[in-house]
């Protein structure tokens, strides 16, 4: 087992290879962030339905937009994450 791990490290490519970027759509619109454009995207199953949801933290006002996964690579239009009926904000962000 150890020998297999060591061999995989030695034989691994020296530089990582990435696919070309793809603009993601949610509903019929492209996923966008608010100005100034700094975002922190990640995948998480927010609603517990077994589908990955795209969660995008916005630098502007510390808000978080959730694009619910619909399956087969499709996303619902984004909605602001809410807490107690109000748009949630991370305190201390701009």
N, C-alpha and C. Protein backbone atom coordinates (compact mmCIF):
# COMPACT_ATOMS: atom_id res chain seq x y z
N UNK A 1 0.82 -1.20 0.00
CA UNK A 1 0.00 0.00 0.00
C UNK A 1 0.86 1.26 0.00
N UNK A 2 1.84 1.31 0.88
CA UNK A 2 2.72 2.47 0.95
C UNK A 2 3.47 2.65 -0.36
N UNK A 3 3.90 1.54 -0.96
CA UNK A 3 4.63 1.61 -2.23
C UNK A 3 3.74 2.19 -3.33
N UNK A 4 2.45 1.84 -3.34
CA UNK A 4 1.51 2.37 -4.34
C UNK A 4 1.35 3.88 -4.18
N UNK A 5 1.25 4.34 -2.96
CA UNK A 5 1.11 5.78 -2.70
C UNK A 5 2.35 6.52 -3.14
N UNK A 6 3.52 5.99 -2.80
CA UNK A 6 4.78 6.63 -3.20
C UNK A 6 4.93 6.66 -4.71
N UNK A 7 4.58 5.58 -5.37
CA UNK A 7 4.66 5.55 -6.84
C UNK A 7 3.70 6.55 -7.47
N UNK A 8 2.51 6.67 -6.91
CA UNK A 8 1.56 7.63 -7.47
C UNK A 8 2.06 9.06 -7.34
N UNK A 9 2.77 9.36 -6.25
CA UNK A 9 3.35 10.69 -6.06
C UNK A 9 4.49 10.95 -7.03
N UNK A 10 5.30 9.95 -7.26
CA UNK A 10 6.45 10.08 -8.16
C UNK A 10 6.00 10.19 -9.60
N UNK A 11 4.97 9.43 -9.97
CA UNK A 11 4.53 9.39 -11.36
C UNK A 11 3.47 10.44 -11.69
N UNK A 12 3.03 11.20 -10.71
CA UNK A 12 2.01 12.23 -10.94
C UNK A 12 2.58 13.34 -11.83
N UNK A 13 1.73 13.95 -12.66
CA UNK A 13 2.22 15.06 -13.49
C UNK A 13 2.77 16.20 -12.63
N UNK A 14 3.79 16.89 -13.14
CA UNK A 14 4.45 17.96 -12.39
C UNK A 14 3.55 19.18 -12.23
N UNK A 15 2.72 19.46 -13.22
CA UNK A 15 1.83 20.62 -13.14
C UNK A 15 0.39 20.16 -13.31
N UNK A 16 -0.51 20.74 -12.54
CA UNK A 16 -1.92 20.35 -12.67
C UNK A 16 -2.50 20.84 -13.99
N UNK A 17 -3.47 20.13 -14.50
CA UNK A 17 -4.15 20.53 -15.73
C UNK A 17 -5.60 20.87 -15.39
N UNK A 18 -6.08 21.96 -15.92
CA UNK A 18 -7.44 22.40 -15.67
C UNK A 18 -8.19 22.48 -16.99
N UNK A 19 -9.50 22.23 -16.94
CA UNK A 19 -10.34 22.43 -18.11
C UNK A 19 -10.58 23.92 -18.28
N UNK A 20 -11.03 24.29 -19.45
CA UNK A 20 -11.36 25.69 -19.72
C UNK A 20 -12.53 26.11 -18.83
N UNK A 21 -12.56 27.37 -18.38
CA UNK A 21 -13.67 27.83 -17.54
C UNK A 21 -15.00 27.81 -18.31
N UNK A 22 -16.07 27.63 -17.57
CA UNK A 22 -17.41 27.59 -18.15
C UNK A 22 -18.30 28.53 -17.36
N UNK A 23 -19.06 29.38 -18.05
CA UNK A 23 -20.02 30.26 -17.36
C UNK A 23 -21.23 29.43 -16.98
N UNK A 24 -21.58 29.49 -15.71
CA UNK A 24 -22.70 28.70 -15.21
C UNK A 24 -23.99 29.49 -15.29
N UNK A 25 -25.08 28.79 -15.60
CA UNK A 25 -26.40 29.41 -15.65
C UNK A 25 -27.24 28.92 -14.49
N UNK A 26 -28.08 29.82 -13.98
CA UNK A 26 -29.07 29.50 -12.97
C UNK A 26 -30.40 29.96 -13.53
N UNK A 27 -31.30 29.02 -13.79
CA UNK A 27 -32.51 29.38 -14.52
C UNK A 27 -32.08 29.72 -15.93
N UNK A 28 -32.49 30.87 -16.43
CA UNK A 28 -32.10 31.28 -17.78
C UNK A 28 -31.06 32.40 -17.79
N UNK A 29 -30.45 32.68 -16.64
CA UNK A 29 -29.45 33.76 -16.53
C UNK A 29 -28.12 33.21 -16.06
N UNK A 30 -27.03 33.90 -16.42
CA UNK A 30 -25.72 33.52 -15.95
C UNK A 30 -25.57 33.87 -14.47
N UNK A 31 -24.83 33.03 -13.73
CA UNK A 31 -24.52 33.32 -12.33
C UNK A 31 -23.62 34.55 -12.30
N UNK A 32 -23.99 35.54 -11.50
CA UNK A 32 -23.21 36.78 -11.39
C UNK A 32 -23.03 37.14 -9.93
N UNK A 33 -22.03 37.97 -9.68
CA UNK A 33 -21.81 38.50 -8.34
C UNK A 33 -21.93 40.01 -8.40
N UNK A 34 -22.19 40.61 -7.25
CA UNK A 34 -22.32 42.06 -7.18
C UNK A 34 -20.94 42.73 -7.18
N UNK A 35 -20.90 44.00 -7.58
CA UNK A 35 -19.67 44.78 -7.53
C UNK A 35 -19.23 44.89 -6.07
N UNK A 36 -18.00 44.80 -5.74
CA UNK A 36 -16.83 44.90 -6.61
C UNK A 36 -16.40 43.58 -7.24
N UNK A 37 -17.17 42.53 -7.12
CA UNK A 37 -16.88 41.30 -7.84
C UNK A 37 -16.14 40.23 -7.07
N UNK A 38 -15.78 40.48 -5.82
CA UNK A 38 -15.10 39.45 -5.04
C UNK A 38 -16.15 38.45 -4.56
N UNK A 39 -15.90 37.18 -4.76
CA UNK A 39 -16.87 36.16 -4.37
C UNK A 39 -16.16 34.96 -3.79
N UNK A 40 -16.89 34.16 -3.04
CA UNK A 40 -16.35 32.93 -2.45
C UNK A 40 -17.34 31.80 -2.72
N UNK A 41 -17.25 31.16 -3.90
CA UNK A 41 -18.21 30.10 -4.22
C UNK A 41 -17.81 28.75 -3.62
N UNK A 42 -18.81 27.94 -3.32
CA UNK A 42 -18.57 26.57 -2.88
C UNK A 42 -19.85 25.76 -3.12
N UNK A 43 -19.72 24.46 -3.07
CA UNK A 43 -20.87 23.55 -3.22
C UNK A 43 -21.24 23.00 -1.86
N UNK A 44 -22.53 23.02 -1.56
CA UNK A 44 -23.04 22.45 -0.30
C UNK A 44 -24.52 22.13 -0.50
N UNK A 45 -24.97 21.04 0.08
CA UNK A 45 -26.38 20.68 0.01
C UNK A 45 -27.14 21.45 1.09
N UNK A 46 -27.51 22.69 0.79
CA UNK A 46 -28.13 23.59 1.77
C UNK A 46 -29.48 23.07 2.25
N UNK A 47 -30.29 22.55 1.32
CA UNK A 47 -31.65 22.16 1.68
C UNK A 47 -31.81 20.67 1.98
N UNK A 48 -30.70 19.91 1.97
CA UNK A 48 -30.73 18.50 2.35
C UNK A 48 -31.46 17.59 1.39
N UNK A 49 -31.58 18.00 0.11
CA UNK A 49 -32.29 17.16 -0.86
C UNK A 49 -31.38 16.21 -1.63
N UNK A 50 -30.10 16.18 -1.27
CA UNK A 50 -29.16 15.30 -1.96
C UNK A 50 -28.53 15.91 -3.20
N UNK A 51 -28.94 17.11 -3.58
CA UNK A 51 -28.37 17.81 -4.74
C UNK A 51 -27.42 18.89 -4.23
N UNK A 52 -26.26 19.01 -4.86
CA UNK A 52 -25.34 20.08 -4.48
C UNK A 52 -25.90 21.43 -4.87
N UNK A 53 -25.85 22.38 -3.96
CA UNK A 53 -26.29 23.75 -4.22
C UNK A 53 -25.06 24.64 -4.31
N UNK A 54 -25.07 25.59 -5.25
CA UNK A 54 -23.97 26.54 -5.37
C UNK A 54 -24.22 27.67 -4.39
N UNK A 55 -23.27 27.87 -3.48
CA UNK A 55 -23.36 28.91 -2.45
C UNK A 55 -22.26 29.92 -2.75
N UNK A 56 -22.67 31.19 -2.93
CA UNK A 56 -21.70 32.22 -3.33
C UNK A 56 -21.74 33.36 -2.31
N UNK A 57 -20.65 33.48 -1.55
CA UNK A 57 -20.52 34.59 -0.62
C UNK A 57 -20.16 35.86 -1.38
N UNK A 58 -20.90 36.93 -1.14
CA UNK A 58 -20.68 38.21 -1.81
C UNK A 58 -19.90 39.13 -0.88
N UNK A 59 -18.88 39.76 -1.38
CA UNK A 59 -18.10 40.70 -0.57
C UNK A 59 -18.94 41.92 -0.21
N UNK A 60 -19.80 42.36 -1.11
CA UNK A 60 -20.64 43.53 -0.89
C UNK A 60 -21.69 43.22 0.18
N UNK A 61 -21.60 43.83 1.32
CA UNK A 61 -22.54 43.67 2.44
C UNK A 61 -22.49 42.30 3.11
N UNK A 62 -21.57 41.42 2.71
CA UNK A 62 -21.43 40.13 3.36
C UNK A 62 -22.62 39.21 3.19
N UNK A 63 -23.33 39.33 2.06
CA UNK A 63 -24.50 38.50 1.80
C UNK A 63 -24.09 37.19 1.10
N UNK A 64 -24.97 36.21 1.17
CA UNK A 64 -24.70 34.90 0.56
C UNK A 64 -25.88 34.55 -0.34
N UNK A 65 -25.56 34.25 -1.60
CA UNK A 65 -26.61 33.86 -2.56
C UNK A 65 -26.53 32.35 -2.74
N UNK A 66 -27.72 31.71 -2.74
CA UNK A 66 -27.80 30.26 -2.89
C UNK A 66 -28.52 29.94 -4.19
N UNK A 67 -27.86 29.13 -5.03
CA UNK A 67 -28.43 28.63 -6.28
C UNK A 67 -28.72 27.15 -6.05
N UNK A 68 -29.97 26.79 -5.85
CA UNK A 68 -30.32 25.42 -5.51
C UNK A 68 -30.11 24.48 -6.70
N UNK A 69 -29.46 23.34 -6.41
CA UNK A 69 -29.22 22.34 -7.44
C UNK A 69 -30.51 21.61 -7.79
N UNK A 70 -30.77 21.49 -9.09
CA UNK A 70 -31.98 20.83 -9.58
C UNK A 70 -31.67 19.45 -10.16
N UNK A 71 -30.39 19.08 -10.18
CA UNK A 71 -29.98 17.82 -10.79
C UNK A 71 -29.57 18.02 -12.24
N UNK A 72 -28.79 17.07 -12.74
CA UNK A 72 -28.33 17.08 -14.14
C UNK A 72 -27.64 18.38 -14.51
N UNK A 73 -26.91 18.98 -13.56
CA UNK A 73 -26.14 20.19 -13.84
C UNK A 73 -26.96 21.47 -13.91
N UNK A 74 -28.22 21.43 -13.54
CA UNK A 74 -29.08 22.61 -13.60
C UNK A 74 -29.18 23.26 -12.23
N UNK A 75 -29.29 24.60 -12.24
CA UNK A 75 -29.42 25.38 -11.01
C UNK A 75 -30.66 26.26 -11.08
N UNK A 76 -31.33 26.42 -9.95
CA UNK A 76 -32.46 27.35 -9.86
C UNK A 76 -31.91 28.77 -9.78
N UNK A 77 -32.71 29.77 -10.12
CA UNK A 77 -32.26 31.16 -9.95
C UNK A 77 -31.82 31.40 -8.50
N UNK A 78 -30.84 32.26 -8.32
CA UNK A 78 -30.29 32.51 -6.99
C UNK A 78 -31.23 33.27 -6.08
N UNK A 79 -31.15 32.94 -4.80
CA UNK A 79 -31.90 33.64 -3.76
C UNK A 79 -30.94 33.98 -2.63
N UNK A 80 -31.15 35.10 -1.98
CA UNK A 80 -30.33 35.45 -0.82
C UNK A 80 -30.62 34.48 0.31
N UNK A 81 -29.59 34.05 0.99
CA UNK A 81 -29.75 33.22 2.18
C UNK A 81 -30.43 34.07 3.25
N UNK A 82 -31.44 33.50 3.90
CA UNK A 82 -32.19 34.25 4.91
C UNK A 82 -32.08 33.58 6.27
N UNK A 83 -32.15 34.40 7.30
CA UNK A 83 -32.18 33.95 8.69
C UNK A 83 -33.31 34.70 9.37
N UNK A 84 -34.24 33.97 9.94
CA UNK A 84 -35.40 34.57 10.61
C UNK A 84 -36.14 35.53 9.69
N UNK A 85 -36.26 35.15 8.41
CA UNK A 85 -37.02 35.94 7.44
C UNK A 85 -36.30 37.13 6.84
N UNK A 86 -35.10 37.41 7.28
CA UNK A 86 -34.32 38.55 6.77
C UNK A 86 -33.10 38.04 6.01
N UNK A 87 -32.64 38.83 5.04
CA UNK A 87 -31.44 38.47 4.29
C UNK A 87 -30.27 38.42 5.28
N UNK A 88 -29.60 37.28 5.34
CA UNK A 88 -28.48 37.09 6.26
C UNK A 88 -27.27 37.86 5.78
N UNK A 89 -26.52 38.41 6.69
CA UNK A 89 -25.28 39.13 6.38
C UNK A 89 -24.20 38.71 7.36
N UNK A 90 -22.99 38.55 6.84
CA UNK A 90 -21.84 38.27 7.68
C UNK A 90 -21.38 39.59 8.26
N UNK A 91 -21.38 39.75 9.59
CA UNK A 91 -21.01 41.04 10.18
C UNK A 91 -19.54 41.39 9.94
N UNK A 92 -19.30 42.67 9.81
CA UNK A 92 -17.93 43.16 9.67
C UNK A 92 -17.39 43.11 8.25
N UNK A 93 -18.25 42.80 7.27
CA UNK A 93 -17.80 42.77 5.88
C UNK A 93 -18.26 44.06 5.21
N UNK A 94 -17.33 44.81 4.77
CA UNK A 94 -17.52 46.06 4.04
C UNK A 94 -18.77 46.76 4.44
